[in-house]
Structure formats: structure tokens, C-alpha cells
Amino acid sequence: MSTVISLLEKMGQDANLRYADKTTVTAELDPALAAAILAGSQEQLAAVLGARTNVVCGVYAAEETDEQEEITSLAKVG
């Protein structure tokens, strides 16, 4: 898998590799991976790698401490 990640990283860094020939892309790769990359198919690539396609990152807002509440109350009064 690190070979695939390295290749995708290089393709992202070098605009010339975006339209690279089949030989350049398929060197040292599994044929299914090479086909997914050459097709530009996110779904195929995710399926071959066994990756999750829907990833969500959530962040909860921090709760106010007593000191923060006091400062907020004083600011509203003043």
C-alpha cells in the first residue's frame, strides 16, 4: 500500500505525472490498482485498497469554564 500512496503523492506534486503514460503508472503496481488509477476512479481505488469513502471529522465546542462565564457576565453588565 505504501507504493500506491507514494505514487499518488508524486502524481499530486508533479503536474506532468497527471497525464503520464501507462508504463510509468503501472510500474511496480498491482494491475487492479493501476487500472483504478489510470481510470481516475475514486470508487475503484477505494474498493481495491479497502478504504472507507465516507469519513467525517467532528469537533465539539469547548464548554465554558466558570471563569469564562464570569467574564462574559461582567462584559454584558459593563
C-alpha atoms as a PDB file:
ATOM      1  CA  MET A   1       0.000   0.000   0.000  1.00  0.00           C
ATOM      2  CA  SER A   2       2.881   2.401   0.652  1.00  0.00           C
ATOM      3  CA  THR A   3       3.845   2.099  -3.025  1.00  0.00           C
ATOM      4  CA  VAL A   4       0.378   3.290  -4.043  1.00  0.00           C
ATOM      5  CA  ILE A   5       0.433   6.165  -1.563  1.00  0.00           C
ATOM      6  CA  SER A   6       3.893   7.207  -2.751  1.00  0.00           C
ATOM      7  CA  LEU A   7       2.771   7.133  -6.384  1.00  0.00           C
ATOM      8  CA  LEU A   8      -0.382   9.157  -5.680  1.00  0.00           C
ATOM      9  CA  GLU A   9       1.681  11.646  -3.683  1.00  0.00           C
ATOM     10  CA  LYS A  10       4.135  12.041  -6.572  1.00  0.00           C
ATOM     11  CA  MET A  11       1.251  12.431  -9.032  1.00  0.00           C
ATOM     12  CA  GLY A  12      -0.192  15.181  -6.849  1.00  0.00           C
ATOM     13  CA  GLN A  13       3.135  17.000  -6.646  1.00  0.00           C
ATOM     14  CA  ASP A  14       4.128  16.746 -10.310  1.00  0.00           C
ATOM     15  CA  ALA A  15       1.629  18.027 -12.879  1.00  0.00           C
ATOM     16  CA  ASN A  16       3.439  16.096 -15.635  1.00  0.00           C
ATOM     17  CA  LEU A  17       2.547  12.798 -13.955  1.00  0.00           C
ATOM     18  CA  ARG A  18      -1.171  13.592 -14.150  1.00  0.00           C
ATOM     19  CA  TYR A  19      -1.084  12.615 -17.803  1.00  0.00           C
ATOM     20  CA  ALA A  20       1.707  10.054 -17.521  1.00  0.00           C
ATOM     21  CA  ASP A  21       1.777   7.068 -19.827  1.00  0.00           C
ATOM     22  CA  LYS A  22       0.568   3.652 -18.739  1.00  0.00           C
ATOM     23  CA  THR A  23       4.091   2.272 -18.270  1.00  0.00           C
ATOM     24  CA  THR A  24       5.011   4.983 -15.778  1.00  0.00           C
ATOM     25  CA  VAL A  25       1.872   4.489 -13.713  1.00  0.00           C
ATOM     26  CA  THR A  26       1.768   0.693 -13.757  1.00  0.00           C
ATOM     27  CA  ALA A  27       5.408   0.096 -12.849  1.00  0.00           C
ATOM     28  CA  GLU A  28       5.564  -1.836  -9.559  1.00  0.00           C
ATOM     29  CA  LEU A  29       1.774  -1.764  -9.053  1.00  0.00           C
ATOM     30  CA  ASP A  30      -0.861  -4.448  -8.844  1.00  0.00           C
ATOM     31  CA  PRO A  31      -2.855  -4.492 -12.122  1.00  0.00           C
ATOM     32  CA  ALA A  32      -6.139  -3.696 -10.322  1.00  0.00           C
ATOM     33  CA  LEU A  33      -4.573  -0.673  -8.626  1.00  0.00           C
ATOM     34  CA  ALA A  34      -3.042   0.516 -11.864  1.00  0.00           C
ATOM     35  CA  ALA A  35      -6.392   0.202 -13.659  1.00  0.00           C
ATOM     36  CA  ALA A  36      -8.165   2.211 -10.952  1.00  0.00           C
ATOM     37  CA  ILE A  37      -5.544   4.970 -11.066  1.00  0.00           C
ATOM     38  CA  LEU A  38      -5.489   5.104 -14.862  1.00  0.00           C
ATOM     39  CA  ALA A  39      -9.301   5.259 -14.927  1.00  0.00           C
ATOM     40  CA  GLY A  40      -9.230   8.079 -12.387  1.00  0.00           C
ATOM     41  CA  SER A  41     -11.894   6.235 -10.428  1.00  0.00           C
ATOM     42  CA  GLN A  42     -12.075   7.044  -6.739  1.00  0.00           C
ATOM     43  CA  GLU A  43     -14.627   4.265  -6.225  1.00  0.00           C
ATOM     44  CA  GLN A  44     -12.428   1.603  -7.848  1.00  0.00           C
ATOM     45  CA  LEU A  45      -9.365   2.765  -5.942  1.00  0.00           C
ATOM     46  CA  ALA A  46     -11.233   2.740  -2.623  1.00  0.00           C
ATOM     47  CA  ALA A  47     -12.576  -0.751  -3.346  1.00  0.00           C
ATOM     48  CA  VAL A  48      -9.160  -2.168  -4.260  1.00  0.00           C
ATOM     49  CA  LEU A  49      -7.483  -0.595  -1.227  1.00  0.00           C
ATOM     50  CA  GLY A  50     -10.358  -1.432   1.115  1.00  0.00           C
ATOM     51  CA  ALA A  51     -10.609   2.219   2.105  1.00  0.00           C
ATOM     52  CA  ARG A  52     -13.587   3.973   3.601  1.00  0.00           C
ATOM     53  CA  THR A  53     -15.105   6.568   1.322  1.00  0.00           C
ATOM     54  CA  ASN A  54     -17.225   8.458   3.833  1.00  0.00           C
ATOM     55  CA  VAL A  55     -15.064   9.845   6.601  1.00  0.00           C
ATOM     56  CA  VAL A  56     -16.366  12.591   8.857  1.00  0.00           C
ATOM     57  CA  CYS A  57     -14.427  14.651  11.338  1.00  0.00           C
ATOM     58  CA  GLY A  58     -16.430  16.382  14.043  1.00  0.00           C
ATOM     59  CA  VAL A  59     -15.279  18.896  16.610  1.00  0.00           C
ATOM     60  CA  TYR A  60     -17.263  19.720  19.722  1.00  0.00           C
ATOM     61  CA  ALA A  61     -17.222  23.260  21.046  1.00  0.00           C
ATOM     62  CA  ALA A  62     -15.445  23.530  24.361  1.00  0.00           C
ATOM     63  CA  GLU A  63     -17.613  24.131  27.403  1.00  0.00           C
ATOM     64  CA  GLU A  64     -17.167  27.458  29.132  1.00  0.00           C
ATOM     65  CA  THR A  65     -15.411  27.363  32.475  1.00  0.00           C
ATOM     66  CA  ASP A  66     -16.681  29.302  35.494  1.00  0.00           C
ATOM     67  CA  GLU A  67     -14.044  31.979  34.861  1.00  0.00           C
ATOM     68  CA  GLN A  68     -15.146  32.425  31.250  1.00  0.00           C
ATOM     69  CA  GLU A  69     -18.808  32.650  32.310  1.00  0.00           C
ATOM     70  CA  GLU A  70     -17.921  35.304  34.892  1.00  0.00           C
ATOM     71  CA  ILE A  71     -16.017  37.370  32.313  1.00  0.00           C
ATOM     72  CA  THR A  72     -18.933  37.069  29.887  1.00  0.00           C
ATOM     73  CA  SER A  73     -21.403  38.167  32.585  1.00  0.00           C
ATOM     74  CA  LEU A  74     -19.242  41.162  33.550  1.00  0.00           C
ATOM     75  CA  ALA A  75     -18.887  42.186  29.916  1.00  0.00           C
ATOM     76  CA  LYS A  76     -22.668  42.162  29.457  1.00  0.00           C
ATOM     77  CA  VAL A  77     -23.221  44.271  32.590  1.00  0.00           C
ATOM     78  CA  GLY A  78     -20.463  46.770  31.840  1.00  0.00           C
END
